[in-house]
Amino acid sequence: MEVNGEESTEFVVEEWSGSSSTKLSKTATITASHSSVAVQRSGSRFNQIWRQILQAFVPEGFPSSVTPDYVPFQIWDSLQGLSTYVRTMLSTQALLSAIGVGEKSATVIGATFQWFLRDLTGMLGGVLFTCYQGSNLDSNAKMFRLIADLMNDLGMFMDLVSPLFPSAFVFIVCLGSLSRSFTGVASGATRATLTQHFALQNNAADISAKEGSQETVATMIGMAFGMLLAHVTMGHPLAIWLSFLSLTMFHMYANYKAVRCLSLTTLNCERSSILLLHFMKTGQVLSPEQVSVMEHVLPLWTTSSRLKNAKFLHTRVRMGVRISSLNHEEMMSLLHSAGSHYKKAKYLLLEQKETIGIVMHKDSIAADVLQAFFHALVVANLAEKDKSVHLESHSWMDKHYENFVLKLQTSGWKTERLLSPMVIWRAKWVPGPSNEKMD
């Protein structure tokens, strides 16, 4: 407020626009007095329109409202989505041709039945995939995100190849639909996990909505290019296959780059193994960005057994061992551990052939599961030394575990729980004389 003279009062009001307090820009200056109101616009009209358009595609408060890996991931994700929609036009064209669209001999009921079988197979496949892998999607979001798109590529390939084998057409398109059903489940579930990761200001819904806008634009552009490509390559099988395979290779590359951009801060089995081994060697904790470069995004069967044993210590840990499946020697070892090394713990560790089994107490909580897994990793790492593994591991846990967890939190890691497959089998034991029973 400015006062000019004794009788005239003038108000100066500035108008600011922006999605967050740190990204504001002045749009107008309004000067008001008793006799007039003057408005002076700031910035060009183009900039104002551009900001309005941008708000439809980026979360409110961008970029401070999302993690640093949001932008590179979305760029690569949009590019892979674009290639998917271009290829969809080619595969759909081939599929409709195989069903008989445009041919006089084709019947409506025949085409409808074939499409019904295709969709039914996809629905059943989605249910089965959820049943067997649903609990693993959170813990291995990167890997399943990559696998989901690879399965989508396989499904499109099946659609494109179906006209070449008329006698096996229904079987081939059902396989393609089954493959895409895995894609739908895995992609949707992992996308929810990644959205939570990106949200720094509890704005997961806003991020999801803006991601939908981005995908819509990518879909429209992809469909336009796909229709153009389908028209140009019509009647030229070699051109169709070359275009499809080239776009598929780019799609796989873009997906790999997208998941490699991610620096997740949650603890799964592999990231926990990398962090613990580095801490035991150096006493320091790696950042999420450093671990993201080291972790594996492809299935473990793609890695040789030698490298798997050396690098992936977590593969030697079995979470949630069923005690009724143990033999007499293993049961005696477990009972001895319950009465000596693990009296106060909510878990028991059992050395088996080449693995460390974890038996969780029925009253254990998320923090106990995390501690049990780290303890099992310590045992696995010390197993080859000529020492009492349990005593040595307990000594390490007593001295270093609390400091380790504190350093994890300081480095930005979320230590509330371990992202792992659900622990189905648990047990209850009462430390005491050997004649007391174990449920």
Protein backbone atom coordinates (compact mmCIF):
# COMPACT_ATOMS: atom_id res chain seq x y z
CA MET A 1 0.00 0.00 0.00
CA GLU A 2 1.27 3.41 -0.86
CA VAL A 3 -0.15 6.72 0.46
CA ASN A 4 0.14 9.76 -1.79
CA GLY A 5 -0.92 12.96 0.00
CA GLU A 6 -3.35 13.26 2.87
CA GLU A 7 -6.63 12.60 0.98
CA SER A 8 -5.72 10.17 -1.84
CA THR A 9 -4.94 6.55 -1.05
CA GLU A 10 -3.52 4.23 -3.71
CA PHE A 11 -3.36 0.43 -3.54
CA VAL A 12 -0.83 -1.59 -5.51
CA VAL A 13 -1.62 -5.31 -5.81
CA GLU A 14 0.59 -7.80 -7.61
CA GLU A 15 -0.89 -10.93 -9.19
CA TRP A 16 1.26 -14.08 -9.19
CA SER A 17 0.63 -17.43 -10.82
CA GLY A 18 2.25 -20.82 -10.33
CA SER A 19 1.72 -24.34 -9.10
CA SER A 20 3.94 -23.93 -6.01
CA SER A 21 5.31 -21.18 -3.83
CA THR A 22 8.79 -21.68 -5.27
CA LYS A 23 7.70 -21.55 -8.93
CA LEU A 24 5.62 -18.36 -9.08
CA SER A 25 5.75 -15.74 -11.81
CA LYS A 26 4.19 -12.29 -11.74
CA THR A 27 1.34 -11.96 -14.23
CA ALA A 28 -0.07 -8.50 -13.49
CA THR A 29 0.26 -5.37 -11.37
CA ILE A 30 -3.01 -3.69 -10.37
CA THR A 31 -3.01 -0.06 -9.20
CA ALA A 32 -6.27 1.08 -7.60
CA SER A 33 -7.36 4.47 -6.28
CA HIS A 34 -10.69 6.15 -5.48
CA SER A 35 -11.03 7.37 -9.05
CA SER A 36 -9.51 4.60 -11.25
CA VAL A 37 -8.13 1.10 -11.56
CA ALA A 38 -5.12 0.38 -13.79
CA VAL A 39 -3.97 -3.12 -14.76
CA GLN A 40 -0.51 -3.70 -16.19
CA ARG A 41 0.07 -7.19 -17.56
CA SER A 42 3.43 -8.90 -17.03
CA GLY A 43 4.89 -11.50 -19.35
CA SER A 44 3.78 -12.46 -22.82
CA ARG A 45 0.43 -13.99 -23.68
CA PHE A 46 2.24 -17.02 -25.08
CA ASN A 47 3.88 -17.76 -21.72
CA GLN A 48 0.53 -17.62 -19.96
CA ILE A 49 -1.05 -20.02 -22.47
CA TRP A 50 1.97 -22.33 -22.23
CA ARG A 51 1.66 -22.48 -18.45
CA GLN A 52 -2.01 -23.40 -18.74
CA ILE A 53 -1.22 -26.20 -21.18
CA LEU A 54 1.64 -27.45 -19.01
CA GLN A 55 -0.63 -27.71 -15.98
CA ALA A 56 -2.64 -30.38 -17.80
CA PHE A 57 0.40 -32.64 -18.11
CA VAL A 58 2.63 -32.10 -15.07
CA PRO A 59 1.72 -32.48 -11.37
CA GLU A 60 0.91 -29.43 -9.29
CA GLY A 61 4.07 -28.03 -7.74
CA PHE A 62 6.31 -29.56 -10.42
CA PRO A 63 9.24 -30.13 -10.20
CA SER A 64 9.50 -29.88 -6.40
CA SER A 65 6.46 -32.12 -5.86
CA VAL A 66 8.04 -35.15 -7.55
CA THR A 67 11.29 -37.07 -7.27
CA PRO A 68 14.22 -36.21 -9.57
CA ASP A 69 13.82 -39.44 -11.55
CA TYR A 70 10.24 -38.54 -12.57
CA VAL A 71 11.14 -36.57 -15.70
CA PRO A 72 13.60 -39.03 -17.30
CA PHE A 73 11.28 -41.94 -16.55
CA GLN A 74 8.26 -40.20 -18.08
CA ILE A 75 10.22 -39.27 -21.22
CA TRP A 76 11.33 -42.83 -21.88
CA ASP A 77 7.95 -44.21 -20.83
CA SER A 78 6.15 -41.91 -23.28
CA LEU A 79 8.51 -42.92 -26.08
CA GLN A 80 7.95 -46.62 -25.46
CA GLY A 81 4.21 -46.00 -25.28
CA LEU A 82 4.35 -44.18 -28.61
CA SER A 83 6.06 -47.12 -30.28
CA THR A 84 3.50 -49.49 -28.74
CA TYR A 85 0.54 -47.66 -30.26
CA VAL A 86 2.19 -47.52 -33.68
CA ARG A 87 2.73 -51.28 -33.59
CA THR A 88 -0.79 -51.84 -32.30
CA MET A 89 -2.17 -50.61 -35.62
CA LEU A 90 -0.02 -53.11 -37.52
CA SER A 91 -0.93 -56.07 -35.29
CA THR A 92 -4.63 -55.15 -35.22
CA GLN A 93 -4.68 -54.90 -39.00
CA ALA A 94 -3.19 -58.38 -39.26
CA LEU A 95 -5.60 -59.76 -36.65
CA LEU A 96 -8.71 -58.36 -38.36
CA SER A 97 -7.47 -59.69 -41.69
CA ALA A 98 -7.06 -63.16 -40.19
CA ILE A 99 -10.56 -63.07 -38.66
CA GLY A 100 -11.93 -62.38 -42.14
CA VAL A 101 -12.83 -58.70 -42.16
CA GLY A 102 -13.39 -57.70 -45.80
CA GLU A 103 -13.98 -61.27 -47.02
CA LYS A 104 -17.40 -62.49 -48.20
CA SER A 105 -16.83 -65.97 -46.81
CA ALA A 106 -16.41 -64.69 -43.23
CA THR A 107 -19.39 -64.90 -40.86
CA VAL A 108 -20.29 -62.58 -38.03
CA ILE A 109 -20.87 -65.40 -35.55
CA GLY A 110 -17.52 -66.97 -36.42
CA ALA A 111 -15.59 -63.75 -35.90
CA THR A 112 -17.50 -63.03 -32.66
CA PHE A 113 -16.73 -66.48 -31.26
CA GLN A 114 -13.03 -66.17 -32.07
CA TRP A 115 -12.87 -62.74 -30.41
CA PHE A 116 -14.74 -64.12 -27.38
CA LEU A 117 -12.22 -66.95 -26.93
CA ARG A 118 -9.39 -64.46 -27.24
CA ASP A 119 -10.80 -62.19 -24.53
CA LEU A 120 -11.78 -65.07 -22.25
CA THR A 121 -8.25 -66.48 -22.34
CA GLY A 122 -6.87 -63.06 -21.45
CA MET A 123 -9.20 -62.67 -18.47
CA LEU A 124 -8.36 -66.10 -17.06
CA GLY A 125 -4.66 -65.44 -17.58
CA GLY A 126 -4.87 -62.18 -15.66
CA VAL A 127 -6.53 -63.90 -12.70
CA LEU A 128 -3.93 -66.69 -12.63
CA PHE A 129 -1.02 -64.27 -12.88
CA THR A 130 -2.41 -62.23 -9.99
CA CYS A 131 -2.83 -65.38 -7.92
CA TYR A 132 0.77 -66.54 -8.37
CA GLN A 133 2.69 -63.27 -8.61
CA GLY A 134 0.51 -60.58 -7.01
CA SER A 135 2.55 -60.34 -3.80
CA ASN A 136 5.83 -60.04 -5.75
CA LEU A 137 4.86 -56.99 -7.79
CA ASP A 138 5.65 -54.47 -5.03
CA SER A 139 9.01 -55.99 -4.19
CA ASN A 140 10.22 -56.24 -7.79
CA ALA A 141 8.51 -53.30 -9.45
CA LYS A 142 11.37 -52.60 -11.87
CA MET A 143 11.67 -56.16 -13.09
CA PHE A 144 7.94 -56.70 -13.52
CA ARG A 145 7.57 -53.35 -15.25
CA LEU A 146 10.11 -54.50 -17.81
CA ILE A 147 8.63 -57.99 -18.08
CA ALA A 148 5.14 -56.53 -18.57
CA ASP A 149 6.19 -54.66 -21.70
CA LEU A 150 8.18 -57.63 -23.01
CA MET A 151 5.05 -59.77 -22.66
CA ASN A 152 3.09 -57.09 -24.51
CA ASP A 153 5.64 -57.29 -27.34
CA LEU A 154 5.15 -61.05 -27.43
CA GLY A 155 1.37 -60.63 -27.59
CA MET A 156 1.62 -58.23 -30.53
CA PHE A 157 4.00 -60.61 -32.26
CA MET A 158 1.41 -63.38 -31.90
CA ASP A 159 -1.27 -61.17 -33.45
CA LEU A 160 0.97 -60.26 -36.36
CA VAL A 161 2.00 -63.86 -37.04
CA SER A 162 -1.54 -65.31 -36.72
CA PRO A 163 -2.53 -64.82 -40.40
CA LEU A 164 0.42 -66.99 -41.47
CA PHE A 165 -1.06 -70.05 -39.72
CA PRO A 166 -4.82 -70.15 -40.46
CA SER A 167 -5.26 -73.65 -39.01
CA ALA A 168 -3.80 -72.57 -35.65
CA PHE A 169 -5.24 -69.06 -35.67
CA VAL A 170 -7.41 -69.37 -32.53
CA PHE A 171 -4.59 -70.99 -30.54
CA ILE A 172 -2.09 -68.28 -31.53
CA VAL A 173 -4.36 -65.31 -30.76
CA CYS A 174 -5.29 -66.89 -27.42
CA LEU A 175 -1.59 -67.13 -26.56
CA GLY A 176 -1.22 -63.47 -27.53
CA SER A 177 -4.16 -62.50 -25.35
CA LEU A 178 -2.72 -64.53 -22.47
CA SER A 179 0.57 -62.70 -22.83
CA ARG A 180 -1.11 -59.30 -22.84
CA SER A 181 -3.16 -60.22 -19.76
CA PHE A 182 0.09 -60.51 -17.79
CA THR A 183 0.99 -57.08 -19.13
CA GLY A 184 -2.25 -55.51 -17.90
CA VAL A 185 -1.91 -56.83 -14.36
CA ALA A 186 1.83 -56.21 -13.94
CA SER A 187 1.83 -52.81 -15.62
CA GLY A 188 -1.09 -51.49 -13.58
CA ALA A 189 0.26 -52.78 -10.27
CA THR A 190 3.82 -51.55 -10.80
CA ARG A 191 2.55 -48.19 -12.04
CA ALA A 192 0.76 -47.73 -8.70
CA THR A 193 4.02 -48.50 -6.88
CA LEU A 194 5.98 -46.04 -9.00
CA THR A 195 3.34 -43.33 -8.55
CA GLN A 196 3.72 -43.63 -4.79
CA HIS A 197 7.49 -43.37 -5.22
CA PHE A 198 7.24 -40.19 -7.32
CA ALA A 199 4.82 -38.46 -4.91
CA LEU A 200 6.79 -36.24 -2.52
CA GLN A 201 3.80 -34.21 -1.30
CA ASN A 202 1.11 -36.90 -0.95
CA ASN A 203 0.04 -36.07 -4.50
CA ALA A 204 -0.21 -39.57 -5.94
CA ALA A 205 -3.69 -38.94 -7.36
CA ASP A 206 -2.52 -35.78 -9.17
CA ILE A 207 0.51 -37.59 -10.59
CA SER A 208 -1.69 -40.46 -11.77
CA ALA A 209 -4.13 -38.05 -13.45
CA LYS A 210 -1.36 -36.16 -15.24
CA GLU A 211 0.22 -39.44 -16.32
CA GLY A 212 -3.13 -40.28 -17.89
CA SER A 213 -3.04 -37.02 -19.85
CA GLN A 214 0.48 -37.76 -21.07
CA GLU A 215 -0.53 -41.27 -22.12
CA THR A 216 -3.57 -39.95 -23.97
CA VAL A 217 -1.43 -37.63 -26.07
CA ALA A 218 1.06 -40.42 -26.74
CA THR A 219 -1.84 -42.68 -27.76
CA MET A 220 -3.27 -40.16 -30.22
CA ILE A 221 0.12 -39.48 -31.82
CA GLY A 222 0.92 -43.19 -31.94
CA MET A 223 -2.43 -44.05 -33.52
CA ALA A 224 -1.95 -41.35 -36.16
CA PHE A 225 1.53 -42.58 -37.08
CA GLY A 226 0.29 -46.17 -36.89
CA MET A 227 -2.55 -45.53 -39.33
CA LEU A 228 -0.13 -43.82 -41.70
CA LEU A 229 2.37 -46.68 -41.42
CA ALA A 230 -0.36 -49.30 -41.90
CA HIS A 231 -1.55 -47.49 -45.04
CA VAL A 232 1.96 -47.19 -46.47
CA THR A 233 2.95 -50.81 -45.78
CA MET A 234 -0.38 -52.36 -46.81
CA GLY A 235 0.28 -55.29 -49.14
CA HIS A 236 4.02 -55.31 -48.39
CA PRO A 237 4.69 -58.02 -45.77
CA LEU A 238 8.44 -57.40 -45.70
CA ALA A 239 7.93 -53.69 -44.94
CA ILE A 240 5.41 -54.56 -42.22
CA TRP A 241 7.79 -56.99 -40.50
CA LEU A 242 10.78 -54.64 -40.77
CA SER A 243 8.72 -51.80 -39.27
CA PHE A 244 7.35 -53.98 -36.50
CA LEU A 245 10.71 -55.47 -35.51
CA SER A 246 12.46 -52.07 -35.61
CA LEU A 247 9.81 -50.50 -33.40
CA THR A 248 9.93 -53.51 -31.06
CA MET A 249 13.68 -53.15 -30.60
CA PHE A 250 13.25 -49.46 -29.83
CA HIS A 251 10.41 -50.29 -27.44
CA MET A 252 12.58 -52.74 -25.50
CA TYR A 253 15.45 -50.24 -25.35
CA ALA A 254 13.18 -47.40 -24.15
CA ASN A 255 11.71 -49.65 -21.45
CA TYR A 256 15.13 -50.67 -20.22
CA LYS A 257 16.25 -47.03 -20.07
CA ALA A 258 13.03 -46.10 -18.25
CA VAL A 259 13.45 -48.60 -15.42
CA ARG A 260 17.17 -47.81 -15.20
CA CYS A 261 16.25 -44.17 -14.50
CA LEU A 262 14.39 -45.14 -11.35
CA SER A 263 16.02 -44.70 -7.95
CA LEU A 264 13.56 -46.40 -5.61
CA THR A 265 13.94 -45.73 -1.88
CA THR A 266 12.08 -48.79 -0.60
CA LEU A 267 13.94 -51.86 0.64
CA ASN A 268 13.41 -55.08 -1.25
CA CYS A 269 15.50 -58.24 -0.96
CA GLU A 270 18.13 -57.32 -3.55
CA ARG A 271 18.58 -53.69 -2.50
CA SER A 272 18.87 -54.80 1.13
CA SER A 273 21.57 -57.29 0.16
CA ILE A 274 23.56 -54.66 -1.76
CA LEU A 275 23.30 -52.16 1.09
CA LEU A 276 24.29 -54.62 3.82
CA LEU A 277 27.30 -56.06 1.98
CA HIS A 278 28.64 -52.57 1.25
CA PHE A 279 28.08 -51.49 4.86
CA MET A 280 29.87 -54.58 6.25
CA LYS A 281 32.87 -53.81 4.03
CA THR A 282 33.08 -50.02 4.38
CA GLY A 283 30.81 -48.92 7.23
CA GLN A 284 29.03 -46.58 4.82
CA VAL A 285 25.54 -46.69 3.31
CA LEU A 286 24.97 -46.29 -0.41
CA SER A 287 22.43 -43.75 -1.68
CA PRO A 288 19.34 -44.84 -3.67
CA GLU A 289 20.96 -43.46 -6.84
CA GLN A 290 24.08 -45.59 -6.31
CA VAL A 291 22.09 -48.75 -5.59
CA SER A 292 19.87 -48.21 -8.66
CA VAL A 293 22.95 -48.58 -10.87
CA MET A 294 23.98 -51.81 -9.15
CA GLU A 295 20.67 -53.65 -8.86
CA HIS A 296 19.49 -56.15 -11.42
CA VAL A 297 16.35 -55.34 -13.44
CA LEU A 298 16.25 -58.58 -15.44
CA PRO A 299 15.08 -61.95 -14.02
CA LEU A 300 17.79 -63.79 -12.11
CA TRP A 301 17.69 -66.76 -14.50
CA THR A 302 19.40 -64.49 -17.06
CA THR A 303 22.46 -64.41 -14.78
CA SER A 304 24.99 -67.24 -14.54
CA SER A 305 24.96 -69.25 -11.31
CA ARG A 306 28.51 -68.15 -10.45
CA LEU A 307 27.63 -64.46 -10.60
CA LYS A 308 24.31 -65.12 -8.88
CA ASN A 309 25.98 -66.65 -5.82
CA ALA A 310 28.66 -63.96 -5.66
CA LYS A 311 26.50 -60.90 -6.24
CA PHE A 312 22.97 -61.82 -5.16
CA LEU A 313 23.33 -62.89 -1.55
CA HIS A 314 19.59 -62.57 -1.01
CA THR A 315 18.96 -65.62 -3.20
CA ARG A 316 20.39 -67.75 -0.38
CA VAL A 317 17.73 -66.56 2.10
CA ARG A 318 14.35 -68.31 2.43
CA MET A 319 11.71 -66.20 4.16
CA GLY A 320 8.86 -67.90 6.03
CA VAL A 321 10.05 -71.51 6.35
CA ARG A 322 7.31 -74.02 7.19
CA ILE A 323 8.49 -75.88 10.30
CA SER A 324 6.42 -79.00 9.58
CA SER A 325 8.54 -79.50 6.44
CA LEU A 326 11.80 -79.77 8.41
CA ASN A 327 13.56 -83.05 9.03
CA HIS A 328 14.62 -84.27 12.49
CA GLU A 329 18.12 -82.78 12.36
CA GLU A 330 16.85 -79.38 11.24
CA MET A 331 14.14 -79.41 13.91
CA MET A 332 16.69 -80.13 16.64
CA SER A 333 18.89 -77.30 15.39
CA LEU A 334 15.88 -74.98 15.39
CA LEU A 335 14.90 -75.95 18.94
CA HIS A 336 18.46 -75.37 20.11
CA SER A 337 18.47 -71.90 18.49
CA ALA A 338 15.13 -71.04 20.09
CA GLY A 339 16.51 -71.85 23.53
CA SER A 340 19.91 -70.18 23.14
CA HIS A 341 20.68 -67.65 20.40
CA TYR A 342 17.18 -66.28 19.71
CA LYS A 343 15.49 -66.13 23.11
CA LYS A 344 14.38 -62.51 22.72
CA ALA A 345 13.97 -62.44 18.94
CA LYS A 346 10.72 -62.75 17.02
CA TYR A 347 12.38 -65.00 14.47
CA LEU A 348 14.62 -68.04 14.18
CA LEU A 349 17.39 -68.65 11.65
CA LEU A 350 18.18 -72.09 10.34
CA GLU A 351 21.23 -73.09 8.30
CA GLN A 352 20.19 -75.43 5.54
CA LYS A 353 22.24 -76.83 2.64
CA GLU A 354 23.07 -73.65 0.75
CA THR A 355 20.41 -71.39 2.21
CA ILE A 356 19.50 -69.60 5.41
CA GLY A 357 15.90 -70.27 6.42
CA ILE A 358 13.87 -67.75 8.43
CA VAL A 359 11.05 -68.86 10.71
CA MET A 360 8.93 -65.86 11.73
CA HIS A 361 7.06 -65.75 15.05
CA LYS A 362 3.31 -65.45 14.69
CA ASP A 363 3.38 -62.17 16.67
CA SER A 364 6.18 -60.60 14.64
CA ILE A 365 5.68 -57.19 13.00
CA ALA A 366 7.16 -55.50 9.93
CA ALA A 367 10.25 -54.31 11.84
CA ASP A 368 10.94 -57.89 12.95
CA VAL A 369 10.73 -59.15 9.36
CA LEU A 370 13.23 -56.50 8.25
CA GLN A 371 15.63 -57.34 11.09
CA ALA A 372 15.29 -61.07 10.45
CA PHE A 373 16.16 -60.64 6.79
CA PHE A 374 19.22 -58.49 7.50
CA HIS A 375 20.32 -60.99 10.16
CA ALA A 376 19.97 -63.84 7.66
CA LEU A 377 22.09 -61.89 5.16
CA VAL A 378 24.78 -61.45 7.82
CA VAL A 379 24.73 -65.20 8.52
CA ALA A 380 24.94 -65.99 4.80
CA ASN A 381 27.88 -63.63 4.42
CA LEU A 382 29.74 -65.19 7.38
CA ALA A 383 28.83 -68.80 6.58
CA GLU A 384 32.16 -69.62 4.92
CA LYS A 385 34.27 -68.42 7.86
CA ASP A 386 35.64 -70.86 10.44
CA LYS A 387 33.68 -69.34 13.29
CA SER A 388 30.43 -69.90 15.12
CA VAL A 389 28.13 -68.24 12.60
CA HIS A 390 25.27 -67.62 14.99
CA LEU A 391 27.47 -66.10 17.70
CA GLU A 392 29.38 -63.97 15.19
CA SER A 393 26.20 -62.76 13.48
CA HIS A 394 24.55 -61.93 16.82
CA SER A 395 27.63 -59.97 17.82
CA TRP A 396 27.50 -58.01 14.56
CA MET A 397 23.77 -57.31 14.92
CA ASP A 398 24.18 -56.11 18.51
CA LYS A 399 27.01 -53.77 17.59
CA HIS A 400 25.99 -52.43 14.20
CA TYR A 401 22.31 -53.03 13.34
CA GLU A 402 20.82 -49.94 15.00
CA ASN A 403 23.53 -47.72 13.53
CA PHE A 404 23.01 -49.34 10.12
CA VAL A 405 19.26 -48.65 10.16
CA LEU A 406 19.85 -45.07 11.31
CA LYS A 407 22.27 -44.48 8.44
CA LEU A 408 19.75 -45.96 6.02
CA GLN A 409 17.13 -43.47 7.16
CA THR A 410 19.60 -40.59 6.95
CA SER A 411 20.46 -41.57 3.36
CA GLY A 412 16.79 -41.45 2.34
CA TRP A 413 15.84 -45.11 2.60
CA LYS A 414 12.41 -46.15 3.87
CA THR A 415 12.95 -48.66 6.66
CA GLU A 416 9.35 -49.17 7.77
CA ARG A 417 9.19 -52.60 6.15
CA LEU A 418 10.82 -55.02 3.76
CA LEU A 419 9.17 -55.41 0.39
CA SER A 420 9.17 -59.18 0.00
CA PRO A 421 6.74 -61.96 -0.88
CA MET A 422 4.11 -62.43 1.82
CA VAL A 423 5.20 -64.54 4.79
CA ILE A 424 2.50 -67.21 4.87
CA TRP A 425 3.99 -69.71 7.32
CA ARG A 426 4.74 -68.61 10.87
CA ALA A 427 5.31 -70.34 14.19
CA LYS A 428 5.05 -69.85 17.94
CA TRP A 429 7.68 -70.98 20.39
CA VAL A 430 8.26 -70.54 24.10
CA PRO A 431 11.93 -70.33 25.20
CA GLY A 432 12.59 -72.66 28.09
CA PRO A 433 13.34 -76.28 28.92
CA SER A 434 13.61 -78.68 26.02
CA ASN A 435 10.41 -80.52 27.03
CA GLU A 436 8.24 -77.51 26.28
CA LYS A 437 6.26 -77.88 23.07
CA MET A 438 6.53 -75.90 19.88
CA ASP A 439 3.35 -75.17 17.93
